[in-house]
């Protein structure tokens, strides 16, 4: 079963960079980092989905991407070199990296729970020290 490119909204992919990022023509997509394996490329503005990125990747990677198995990391350059440094400088993407999410870890059982499931109260001996005031003889 062949599937075409997967389109995902720019706001979902870019997050906080959405309002700062210039339009892209074609950006390479890597696995883990820009030093990792090149998986394909990403472009933008194809007809009906004008505000979306289209990822041109192998079918198995497209399926994992659509199921949320990856987070995104970016490498970018500043679009305006002479702009004042600050938080809202325009950026131009140079690459996108797909970072696999960590595997889900099964939660540990509660401390007081028994293996057989009977009762959740743990029997723990308690030591108490009681101070008795001395009576003064009058």
N, C-alpha and C. Protein backbone atom coordinates (compact mmCIF):
# COMPACT_ATOMS: atom_id res chain seq x y z
N UNK A 1 0.84 -1.17 0.00
CA UNK A 1 0.00 0.00 0.00
C UNK A 1 0.89 1.24 0.00
N UNK A 2 0.90 1.97 -1.05
CA UNK A 2 1.74 3.16 -1.15
C UNK A 2 0.97 4.38 -0.63
N UNK A 3 1.68 5.19 0.11
CA UNK A 3 1.06 6.43 0.59
C UNK A 3 1.92 7.60 0.16
N UNK A 4 1.28 8.72 -0.07
CA UNK A 4 2.01 9.91 -0.51
C UNK A 4 2.61 10.63 0.67
N UNK A 5 2.99 11.86 0.45
CA UNK A 5 3.57 12.64 1.54
C UNK A 5 2.52 12.93 2.61
N UNK A 6 2.98 13.13 3.82
CA UNK A 6 2.09 13.45 4.93
C UNK A 6 2.18 14.96 5.19
N UNK A 7 1.03 15.61 5.32
CA UNK A 7 0.98 17.05 5.57
C UNK A 7 0.55 17.31 7.01
N UNK A 8 1.31 18.14 7.70
CA UNK A 8 1.04 18.49 9.09
C UNK A 8 1.09 20.00 9.20
N UNK A 9 0.20 20.57 9.99
CA UNK A 9 0.13 22.03 10.09
C UNK A 9 1.45 22.62 10.60
N UNK A 10 1.78 23.78 10.09
CA UNK A 10 3.01 24.45 10.50
C UNK A 10 3.00 24.75 12.00
N UNK A 11 1.85 25.17 12.52
CA UNK A 11 1.76 25.50 13.94
C UNK A 11 2.06 24.28 14.82
N UNK A 12 1.60 23.11 14.41
CA UNK A 12 1.86 21.88 15.17
C UNK A 12 3.35 21.53 15.16
N UNK A 13 3.97 21.66 14.01
CA UNK A 13 5.39 21.29 13.88
C UNK A 13 6.29 22.33 14.56
N UNK A 14 6.06 23.60 14.29
CA UNK A 14 6.97 24.65 14.75
C UNK A 14 6.74 25.10 16.18
N UNK A 15 5.54 24.98 16.70
CA UNK A 15 5.26 25.40 18.07
C UNK A 15 5.52 26.89 18.25
N UNK A 16 6.42 27.26 19.16
CA UNK A 16 6.72 28.65 19.47
C UNK A 16 7.40 29.39 18.31
N UNK A 17 8.00 28.67 17.39
CA UNK A 17 8.66 29.30 16.26
C UNK A 17 7.70 29.66 15.12
N UNK A 18 6.43 29.30 15.25
CA UNK A 18 5.47 29.48 14.17
C UNK A 18 5.43 30.92 13.64
N UNK A 19 5.31 31.88 14.53
CA UNK A 19 5.17 33.27 14.09
C UNK A 19 6.49 33.87 13.61
N UNK A 20 7.62 33.22 13.92
CA UNK A 20 8.94 33.76 13.57
C UNK A 20 9.55 33.12 12.33
N UNK A 21 8.99 32.02 11.86
CA UNK A 21 9.64 31.24 10.80
C UNK A 21 9.20 31.70 9.41
N UNK A 22 10.18 31.91 8.52
CA UNK A 22 9.90 32.24 7.13
C UNK A 22 9.44 30.99 6.39
N UNK A 23 8.80 31.21 5.24
CA UNK A 23 8.36 30.10 4.40
C UNK A 23 9.57 29.31 3.89
N UNK A 24 9.37 28.02 3.68
CA UNK A 24 10.46 27.16 3.20
C UNK A 24 10.15 26.66 1.80
N UNK A 25 11.19 26.29 1.07
CA UNK A 25 11.02 25.70 -0.25
C UNK A 25 11.24 24.20 -0.15
N UNK A 26 12.40 23.80 0.33
CA UNK A 26 12.71 22.39 0.54
C UNK A 26 13.79 22.30 1.62
N UNK A 27 13.48 21.57 2.68
CA UNK A 27 14.38 21.45 3.83
C UNK A 27 14.64 19.96 4.07
N UNK A 28 15.88 19.55 4.27
CA UNK A 28 16.16 18.14 4.55
C UNK A 28 15.61 17.72 5.92
N UNK A 29 15.20 16.45 6.00
CA UNK A 29 14.68 15.89 7.26
C UNK A 29 15.60 14.74 7.66
N UNK A 30 16.08 14.80 8.92
CA UNK A 30 17.02 13.80 9.43
C UNK A 30 16.41 13.03 10.58
N UNK A 31 17.01 11.89 10.89
CA UNK A 31 16.64 11.11 12.05
C UNK A 31 17.60 11.47 13.18
N UNK A 32 17.08 11.83 14.35
CA UNK A 32 17.81 12.20 15.57
C UNK A 32 18.50 13.56 15.51
N UNK A 33 19.36 13.81 14.54
CA UNK A 33 20.05 15.10 14.44
C UNK A 33 20.51 15.27 13.00
N UNK A 34 21.06 16.44 12.71
CA UNK A 34 21.52 16.69 11.33
C UNK A 34 22.72 15.82 10.98
N UNK A 35 23.32 15.19 11.98
CA UNK A 35 24.43 14.27 11.74
C UNK A 35 23.93 12.85 11.51
N UNK A 36 22.63 12.64 11.73
CA UNK A 36 22.04 11.32 11.57
C UNK A 36 21.69 11.02 10.11
N UNK A 37 20.88 10.01 9.94
CA UNK A 37 20.48 9.55 8.61
C UNK A 37 19.48 10.52 7.99
N UNK A 38 19.70 10.89 6.73
CA UNK A 38 18.74 11.75 6.03
C UNK A 38 17.58 10.88 5.56
N UNK A 39 16.36 11.24 6.00
CA UNK A 39 15.18 10.45 5.69
C UNK A 39 14.46 10.92 4.43
N UNK A 40 14.51 12.21 4.17
CA UNK A 40 13.79 12.77 3.03
C UNK A 40 13.84 14.28 3.10
N UNK A 41 12.76 14.93 2.66
CA UNK A 41 12.72 16.38 2.71
C UNK A 41 11.31 16.85 3.05
N UNK A 42 11.21 18.13 3.35
CA UNK A 42 9.95 18.75 3.72
C UNK A 42 9.78 20.02 2.90
N UNK A 43 8.57 20.26 2.40
CA UNK A 43 8.29 21.51 1.71
C UNK A 43 6.97 22.07 2.19
N UNK A 44 6.61 23.24 1.67
CA UNK A 44 5.45 23.95 2.19
C UNK A 44 4.62 24.56 1.08
N UNK A 45 3.34 24.77 1.38
CA UNK A 45 2.48 25.54 0.49
C UNK A 45 2.05 24.82 -0.75
N UNK A 46 1.59 23.60 -0.62
CA UNK A 46 1.14 22.86 -1.79
C UNK A 46 -0.38 22.94 -1.91
N UNK A 47 -0.86 23.90 -2.66
CA UNK A 47 -2.28 23.99 -3.01
C UNK A 47 -3.21 24.15 -1.84
N UNK A 48 -4.04 23.15 -1.60
CA UNK A 48 -5.11 23.20 -0.61
C UNK A 48 -4.58 23.40 0.81
N UNK A 49 -3.45 22.82 1.13
CA UNK A 49 -2.87 22.92 2.48
C UNK A 49 -1.75 23.96 2.48
N UNK A 50 -2.10 25.22 2.33
CA UNK A 50 -1.12 26.29 2.19
C UNK A 50 -0.33 26.54 3.47
N UNK A 51 -0.92 26.30 4.62
CA UNK A 51 -0.23 26.55 5.89
C UNK A 51 0.16 25.22 6.53
N UNK A 52 0.78 24.36 5.75
CA UNK A 52 1.18 23.04 6.25
C UNK A 52 2.53 22.67 5.67
N UNK A 53 3.23 21.80 6.40
CA UNK A 53 4.46 21.21 5.90
C UNK A 53 4.11 19.85 5.32
N UNK A 54 4.64 19.54 4.16
CA UNK A 54 4.48 18.22 3.56
C UNK A 54 5.80 17.48 3.70
N UNK A 55 5.77 16.38 4.42
CA UNK A 55 6.97 15.56 4.65
C UNK A 55 7.00 14.46 3.60
N UNK A 56 8.06 14.40 2.81
CA UNK A 56 8.26 13.37 1.80
C UNK A 56 9.25 12.36 2.38
N UNK A 57 8.70 11.33 3.01
CA UNK A 57 9.50 10.36 3.76
C UNK A 57 9.08 8.95 3.37
N UNK A 58 9.87 7.92 3.75
CA UNK A 58 9.45 6.54 3.51
C UNK A 58 8.14 6.23 4.25
N UNK A 59 7.40 5.26 3.72
CA UNK A 59 6.08 4.93 4.27
C UNK A 59 6.09 4.58 5.76
N UNK A 60 7.07 3.80 6.20
CA UNK A 60 7.09 3.40 7.62
C UNK A 60 7.33 4.61 8.53
N UNK A 61 8.15 5.56 8.09
CA UNK A 61 8.41 6.76 8.87
C UNK A 61 7.17 7.66 8.88
N UNK A 62 6.48 7.74 7.73
CA UNK A 62 5.24 8.53 7.66
C UNK A 62 4.20 8.01 8.65
N UNK A 63 4.08 6.71 8.75
CA UNK A 63 3.11 6.12 9.69
C UNK A 63 3.47 6.46 11.13
N UNK A 64 4.75 6.35 11.47
CA UNK A 64 5.18 6.67 12.84
C UNK A 64 5.01 8.15 13.13
N UNK A 65 5.30 9.00 12.15
CA UNK A 65 5.14 10.44 12.33
C UNK A 65 3.68 10.81 12.56
N UNK A 66 2.78 10.21 11.79
CA UNK A 66 1.36 10.51 11.95
C UNK A 66 0.81 9.96 13.27
N UNK A 67 1.43 8.93 13.82
CA UNK A 67 0.99 8.35 15.09
C UNK A 67 1.62 9.04 16.29
N UNK A 68 2.49 10.03 16.06
CA UNK A 68 3.07 10.79 17.17
C UNK A 68 4.29 10.15 17.81
N UNK A 69 5.01 9.32 17.09
CA UNK A 69 6.19 8.66 17.63
C UNK A 69 7.44 9.54 17.62
N UNK A 70 7.34 10.74 17.04
CA UNK A 70 8.50 11.62 16.94
C UNK A 70 8.18 13.01 17.49
N UNK A 71 9.21 13.67 18.00
CA UNK A 71 9.15 15.10 18.28
C UNK A 71 10.06 15.78 17.26
N UNK A 72 10.02 17.10 17.22
CA UNK A 72 10.75 17.83 16.20
C UNK A 72 11.89 18.63 16.83
N UNK A 73 13.01 18.68 16.13
CA UNK A 73 14.13 19.55 16.50
C UNK A 73 14.52 20.30 15.23
N UNK A 74 14.99 21.54 15.40
CA UNK A 74 15.26 22.39 14.25
C UNK A 74 16.67 22.94 14.27
N UNK A 75 17.21 23.16 13.10
CA UNK A 75 18.40 23.97 12.93
C UNK A 75 17.97 25.12 12.04
N UNK A 76 18.35 26.34 12.43
CA UNK A 76 17.92 27.49 11.65
C UNK A 76 18.98 28.57 11.65
N UNK A 77 18.83 29.49 10.71
CA UNK A 77 19.66 30.68 10.62
C UNK A 77 18.73 31.87 10.80
N UNK A 78 19.30 32.99 11.23
CA UNK A 78 18.49 34.19 11.34
C UNK A 78 18.26 34.76 9.95
N UNK A 79 17.04 35.13 9.65
CA UNK A 79 16.68 35.63 8.32
C UNK A 79 17.27 37.01 8.06
N UNK A 80 17.27 37.85 9.07
CA UNK A 80 17.78 39.22 8.93
C UNK A 80 19.03 39.36 9.78
N UNK A 81 20.16 39.42 9.16
CA UNK A 81 21.43 39.50 9.89
C UNK A 81 21.58 40.81 10.65
N UNK A 82 21.03 41.90 10.11
CA UNK A 82 21.22 43.21 10.72
C UNK A 82 20.14 43.56 11.74
N UNK A 83 19.19 42.67 11.96
CA UNK A 83 18.12 42.94 12.92
C UNK A 83 18.69 42.94 14.34
N UNK A 84 18.04 43.65 15.21
CA UNK A 84 18.51 43.70 16.59
C UNK A 84 18.33 42.34 17.25
N UNK A 85 19.33 41.87 17.98
CA UNK A 85 19.20 40.58 18.65
C UNK A 85 18.06 40.62 19.65
N UNK A 86 17.34 39.55 19.70
CA UNK A 86 16.23 39.48 20.63
C UNK A 86 15.42 38.22 20.42
N UNK A 87 14.37 38.14 21.16
CA UNK A 87 13.56 36.95 21.19
C UNK A 87 12.73 36.76 19.92
N UNK A 88 12.40 37.84 19.23
CA UNK A 88 11.47 37.75 18.12
C UNK A 88 12.11 37.94 16.76
N UNK A 89 13.38 37.59 16.62
CA UNK A 89 14.05 37.67 15.32
C UNK A 89 13.49 36.61 14.39
N UNK A 90 13.32 36.95 13.11
CA UNK A 90 12.84 36.00 12.12
C UNK A 90 13.90 34.93 11.87
N UNK A 91 13.44 33.69 11.65
CA UNK A 91 14.36 32.58 11.41
C UNK A 91 14.02 31.90 10.09
N UNK A 92 15.01 31.24 9.53
CA UNK A 92 14.84 30.45 8.32
C UNK A 92 15.36 29.04 8.60
N UNK A 93 14.50 28.04 8.47
CA UNK A 93 14.89 26.66 8.77
C UNK A 93 15.95 26.17 7.80
N UNK A 94 16.96 25.47 8.35
CA UNK A 94 17.97 24.85 7.50
C UNK A 94 17.83 23.33 7.53
N UNK A 95 17.25 22.78 8.61
CA UNK A 95 16.96 21.34 8.65
C UNK A 95 15.96 21.04 9.77
N UNK A 96 15.27 19.93 9.61
CA UNK A 96 14.34 19.42 10.62
C UNK A 96 14.81 18.03 11.01
N UNK A 97 14.84 17.75 12.31
CA UNK A 97 15.22 16.42 12.78
C UNK A 97 14.03 15.80 13.50
N UNK A 98 13.79 14.53 13.22
CA UNK A 98 12.74 13.78 13.90
C UNK A 98 13.39 12.99 15.03
N UNK A 99 13.01 13.31 16.25
CA UNK A 99 13.61 12.68 17.43
C UNK A 99 12.60 11.69 17.99
N UNK A 100 12.96 10.38 18.04
CA UNK A 100 12.02 9.38 18.57
C UNK A 100 11.69 9.65 20.04
N UNK A 101 10.43 9.47 20.38
CA UNK A 101 10.02 9.62 21.79
C UNK A 101 10.53 8.43 22.59
N UNK A 102 10.75 8.68 23.87
CA UNK A 102 11.20 7.59 24.74
C UNK A 102 10.06 6.61 24.98
N UNK A 103 10.40 5.36 25.18
CA UNK A 103 9.40 4.33 25.41
C UNK A 103 8.66 4.59 26.73
N UNK A 104 7.42 4.23 26.76
CA UNK A 104 6.59 4.38 27.95
C UNK A 104 7.04 3.39 29.01
N UNK A 105 7.25 3.89 30.21
CA UNK A 105 7.64 3.02 31.31
C UNK A 105 6.42 2.69 32.16
N UNK A 106 6.24 1.42 32.44
CA UNK A 106 5.11 0.99 33.23
C UNK A 106 5.28 1.50 34.66
N UNK A 107 4.23 2.08 35.25
CA UNK A 107 4.37 2.61 36.60
C UNK A 107 4.56 1.49 37.63
N UNK A 108 5.29 1.80 38.68
CA UNK A 108 5.54 0.84 39.74
C UNK A 108 4.30 0.74 40.62
N UNK A 109 4.07 -0.44 41.22
CA UNK A 109 2.92 -0.57 42.11
C UNK A 109 3.13 0.24 43.38
N UNK A 110 2.04 0.55 44.05
CA UNK A 110 2.14 1.30 45.30
C UNK A 110 2.89 0.49 46.33
N UNK A 111 3.52 1.18 47.26
CA UNK A 111 4.35 0.50 48.25
C UNK A 111 3.55 -0.42 49.15
N UNK A 112 2.36 -0.01 49.56
CA UNK A 112 1.58 -0.77 50.52
C UNK A 112 0.80 -1.91 49.91
N UNK A 113 0.74 -2.01 48.60
CA UNK A 113 -0.06 -3.05 47.96
C UNK A 113 0.66 -4.40 48.05
N UNK A 114 -0.11 -5.44 48.35
CA UNK A 114 0.44 -6.79 48.41
C UNK A 114 0.32 -7.44 47.05
N UNK A 115 1.13 -8.44 46.83
CA UNK A 115 1.13 -9.12 45.55
C UNK A 115 -0.19 -9.84 45.30
N UNK A 116 -0.84 -10.34 46.37
CA UNK A 116 -2.09 -11.07 46.19
C UNK A 116 -3.30 -10.13 46.10
N UNK A 117 -3.09 -8.84 46.27
CA UNK A 117 -4.15 -7.86 46.11
C UNK A 117 -5.02 -7.69 47.33
N UNK A 118 -4.71 -8.35 48.45
CA UNK A 118 -5.53 -8.23 49.65
C UNK A 118 -5.08 -7.03 50.46
N UNK A 119 -5.96 -6.11 50.61
CA UNK A 119 -5.71 -4.96 51.49
C UNK A 119 -4.57 -4.09 51.02
N UNK A 120 -4.70 -2.84 51.34
CA UNK A 120 -3.63 -1.93 50.97
C UNK A 120 -2.96 -1.33 52.19
N UNK A 121 -3.37 -1.78 53.37
CA UNK A 121 -2.77 -1.25 54.59
C UNK A 121 -1.55 -2.08 54.95
N UNK A 122 -0.49 -1.42 55.19
CA UNK A 122 0.74 -2.11 55.60
C UNK A 122 0.81 -2.09 57.12
N UNK A 123 1.20 -3.21 57.67
CA UNK A 123 1.33 -3.30 59.11
C UNK A 123 2.76 -2.96 59.49
N UNK A 124 2.93 -1.82 60.13
CA UNK A 124 4.24 -1.34 60.51
C UNK A 124 4.20 -1.05 62.01
N UNK A 125 5.13 -1.65 62.78
CA UNK A 125 5.14 -1.38 64.22
C UNK A 125 5.51 0.09 64.47
N UNK A 126 4.85 0.69 65.44
CA UNK A 126 5.08 2.09 65.77
C UNK A 126 5.62 2.18 67.18
N UNK A 127 6.71 2.89 67.33
CA UNK A 127 7.26 3.12 68.66
C UNK A 127 6.80 4.50 69.11
N UNK A 128 6.35 4.55 70.36
CA UNK A 128 5.91 5.84 70.90
C UNK A 128 6.58 6.06 72.25
N UNK A 129 7.03 7.24 72.47
CA UNK A 129 7.61 7.60 73.75
C UNK A 129 6.68 8.62 74.39
N UNK A 130 6.27 8.31 75.61
CA UNK A 130 5.34 9.21 76.30
C UNK A 130 6.07 9.78 77.51
N UNK A 131 6.03 11.07 77.64
CA UNK A 131 6.66 11.74 78.78
C UNK A 131 5.60 11.92 79.85
N UNK A 132 5.91 11.46 81.06
CA UNK A 132 4.99 11.60 82.19
C UNK A 132 5.57 12.67 83.11
N UNK A 133 4.79 13.71 83.33
CA UNK A 133 5.30 14.78 84.22
C UNK A 133 5.36 14.28 85.65
N UNK A 134 6.41 14.69 86.37
CA UNK A 134 6.54 14.29 87.77
C UNK A 134 5.63 15.17 88.63
N UNK A 135 5.08 14.50 89.63
CA UNK A 135 4.24 15.26 90.55
C UNK A 135 5.12 15.80 91.68
N UNK A 136 4.90 17.03 91.99
CA UNK A 136 5.69 17.61 93.08
C UNK A 136 4.88 17.49 94.37
N UNK A 137 5.55 17.10 95.40
CA UNK A 137 4.86 16.94 96.69
C UNK A 137 4.78 18.25 97.43
N UNK A 138 3.61 18.63 97.88
CA UNK A 138 3.50 19.86 98.60
C UNK A 138 3.19 19.64 100.02
